[in-house]
C-alpha atoms as a PDB file:
ATOM      1  CA  MET A   1       0.062  14.891  46.480  1.00  0.00           C
ATOM      2  CA  TYR A   2      -2.527  16.860  44.552  1.00  0.00           C
ATOM      3  CA  CYS A   3      -2.213  19.805  47.058  1.00  0.00           C
ATOM      4  CA  LEU A   4       1.567  20.121  46.268  1.00  0.00           C
ATOM      5  CA  TYR A   5       0.446  20.109  42.457  1.00  0.00           C
ATOM      6  CA  ILE A   6      -2.029  23.002  43.183  1.00  0.00           C
ATOM      7  CA  GLN A   7       0.651  25.026  44.844  1.00  0.00           C
ATOM      8  CA  GLN A   8       3.040  24.716  41.939  1.00  0.00           C
ATOM      9  CA  LYS A   9       0.170  25.417  39.337  1.00  0.00           C
ATOM     10  CA  GLY A  10      -1.186  28.607  41.305  1.00  0.00           C
ATOM     11  CA  GLN A  11      -4.876  27.944  40.466  1.00  0.00           C
ATOM     12  CA  ALA A  12      -8.082  29.626  42.063  1.00  0.00           C
ATOM     13  CA  GLY A  13      -8.108  29.846  45.601  1.00  0.00           C
ATOM     14  CA  THR A  14      -5.174  29.701  48.231  1.00  0.00           C
ATOM     15  CA  PRO A  15      -3.510  26.535  48.358  1.00  0.00           C
ATOM     16  CA  THR A  16      -4.518  25.744  51.801  1.00  0.00           C
ATOM     17  CA  GLU A  17      -8.014  26.726  51.285  1.00  0.00           C
ATOM     18  CA  LYS A  18      -8.367  24.706  48.008  1.00  0.00           C
ATOM     19  CA  CYS A  19      -6.797  21.674  49.634  1.00  0.00           C
ATOM     20  CA  ALA A  20      -9.148  21.758  52.724  1.00  0.00           C
ATOM     21  CA  ALA A  21     -12.095  22.010  50.403  1.00  0.00           C
ATOM     22  CA  LEU A  22     -11.071  19.258  48.141  1.00  0.00           C
ATOM     23  CA  ALA A  23     -10.050  16.898  51.179  1.00  0.00           C
ATOM     24  CA  HIS A  24     -13.850  17.610  52.535  1.00  0.00           C
ATOM     25  CA  TRP A  25     -15.198  16.992  49.021  1.00  0.00           C
ATOM     26  CA  ASN A  26     -13.314  13.782  48.807  1.00  0.00           C
ATOM     27  CA  VAL A  27     -14.454  12.512  52.213  1.00  0.00           C
ATOM     28  CA  MET A  28     -18.070  13.236  50.888  1.00  0.00           C
ATOM     29  CA  LEU A  29     -17.288  11.319  47.544  1.00  0.00           C
ATOM     30  CA  ARG A  30     -16.045   8.227  49.490  1.00  0.00           C
ATOM     31  CA  ASP A  31     -18.800   8.016  52.012  1.00  0.00           C
ATOM     32  CA  GLU A  32     -20.081   4.691  50.591  1.00  0.00           C
ATOM     33  CA  SER A  33     -22.807   4.326  53.251  1.00  0.00           C
ATOM     34  CA  ALA A  34     -24.545   7.546  52.336  1.00  0.00           C
ATOM     35  CA  LEU A  35     -23.924   6.976  48.699  1.00  0.00           C
ATOM     36  CA  LEU A  36     -25.552   3.374  48.763  1.00  0.00           C
ATOM     37  CA  ALA A  37     -28.219   4.674  51.267  1.00  0.00           C
ATOM     38  CA  MET A  38     -29.515   7.572  49.000  1.00  0.00           C
ATOM     39  CA  PRO A  39     -27.697   7.512  45.656  1.00  0.00           C
ATOM     40  CA  GLY A  40     -29.696  10.480  44.206  1.00  0.00           C
ATOM     41  CA  ALA A  41     -29.435  12.753  47.178  1.00  0.00           C
ATOM     42  CA  HIS A  42     -25.795  12.054  47.691  1.00  0.00           C
ATOM     43  CA  HIS A  43     -24.932  12.794  44.109  1.00  0.00           C
ATOM     44  CA  LYS A  44     -27.086  15.949  44.345  1.00  0.00           C
ATOM     45  CA  ALA A  45     -24.894  17.087  47.494  1.00  0.00           C
ATOM     46  CA  LEU A  46     -21.634  16.263  45.612  1.00  0.00           C
ATOM     47  CA  LEU A  47     -22.615  18.512  42.737  1.00  0.00           C
ATOM     48  CA  ARG A  48     -23.974  21.296  44.931  1.00  0.00           C
ATOM     49  CA  GLN A  49     -20.763  21.130  46.882  1.00  0.00           C
ATOM     50  CA  ALA A  50     -18.644  21.194  43.596  1.00  0.00           C
ATOM     51  CA  ARG A  51     -20.631  24.163  42.222  1.00  0.00           C
ATOM     52  CA  THR A  52     -20.504  26.186  45.460  1.00  0.00           C
ATOM     53  CA  LEU A  53     -16.656  25.782  45.289  1.00  0.00           C
ATOM     54  CA  TYR A  54     -16.494  27.007  41.895  1.00  0.00           C
ATOM     55  CA  LYS A  55     -18.805  29.920  42.458  1.00  0.00           C
ATOM     56  CA  ASP A  56     -16.716  31.093  45.285  1.00  0.00           C
ATOM     57  CA  GLN A  57     -13.593  30.643  43.228  1.00  0.00           C
ATOM     58  CA  VAL A  58     -12.078  28.215  45.520  1.00  0.00           C
ATOM     59  CA  ILE A  59     -11.495  25.962  42.455  1.00  0.00           C
ATOM     60  CA  ASP A  60     -11.440  26.626  38.648  1.00  0.00           C
ATOM     61  CA  SER A  61     -13.250  25.306  35.748  1.00  0.00           C
ATOM     62  CA  ASP A  62     -10.920  22.255  35.199  1.00  0.00           C
ATOM     63  CA  ASP A  63     -11.434  21.310  38.654  1.00  0.00           C
ATOM     64  CA  VAL A  64     -15.215  21.608  38.828  1.00  0.00           C
ATOM     65  CA  SER A  65     -15.337  19.584  35.669  1.00  0.00           C
ATOM     66  CA  ASP A  66     -13.118  16.694  37.362  1.00  0.00           C
ATOM     67  CA  LEU A  67     -15.344  16.791  40.526  1.00  0.00           C
ATOM     68  CA  LEU A  68     -18.679  16.616  38.459  1.00  0.00           C
ATOM     69  CA  GLU A  69     -17.269  13.649  36.653  1.00  0.00           C
ATOM     70  CA  LEU A  70     -16.323  11.979  39.732  1.00  0.00           C
ATOM     71  CA  ALA A  71     -19.744  12.620  41.275  1.00  0.00           C
ATOM     72  CA  ASP A  72     -21.490  11.103  38.114  1.00  0.00           C
ATOM     73  CA  GLY A  73     -18.848   7.904  38.423  1.00  0.00           C
ATOM     74  CA  ALA A  74     -19.992   7.569  42.088  1.00  0.00           C
ATOM     75  CA  LEU A  75     -23.596   7.606  41.137  1.00  0.00           C
ATOM     76  CA  ALA A  76     -23.061   5.095  38.354  1.00  0.00           C
ATOM     77  CA  PHE A  77     -21.273   2.820  40.921  1.00  0.00           C
ATOM     78  CA  ALA A  78     -24.125   3.256  43.396  1.00  0.00           C
ATOM     79  CA  MET A  79     -26.638   2.037  40.844  1.00  0.00           C
ATOM     80  CA  GLU A  80     -24.690  -0.796  39.550  1.00  0.00           C
ATOM     81  CA  SER A  81     -23.937  -1.903  43.148  1.00  0.00           C
ATOM     82  CA  LEU A  82     -27.772  -1.491  44.031  1.00  0.00           C
ATOM     83  CA  LEU A  83     -28.611  -3.375  40.941  1.00  0.00           C
ATOM     84  CA  ASP A  84     -26.138  -6.390  41.844  1.00  0.00           C
ATOM     85  CA  ILE A  85     -27.599  -6.537  45.404  1.00  0.00           C
ATOM     86  CA  ASN A  86     -31.086  -6.676  44.040  1.00  0.00           C
ATOM     87  CA  SER A  87     -30.282  -9.487  41.611  1.00  0.00           C
ATOM     88  CA  ASP A  88     -28.571 -11.375  44.347  1.00  0.00           C
ATOM     89  CA  GLU A  89     -31.594 -11.614  46.385  1.00  0.00           C
END
């Protein structure tokens, strides 16, 4: 759905390149095992990938802002989850 929106909006990067890059980033974002195993490193990898996509002009400033916000949300989720796990023990 997002890829269709991108094609109509005509943003940075080719639609196919952008869709593939965002799909890969979202796979990384949703890797809960990696996120919970090493939240800081996983967050850093998400930030690095988002900034690389922006620097390479695959995504625009609005997109990178969204990705950074999602990465921060994932880190917050991981920290809350780990706190919950530790308090249950």
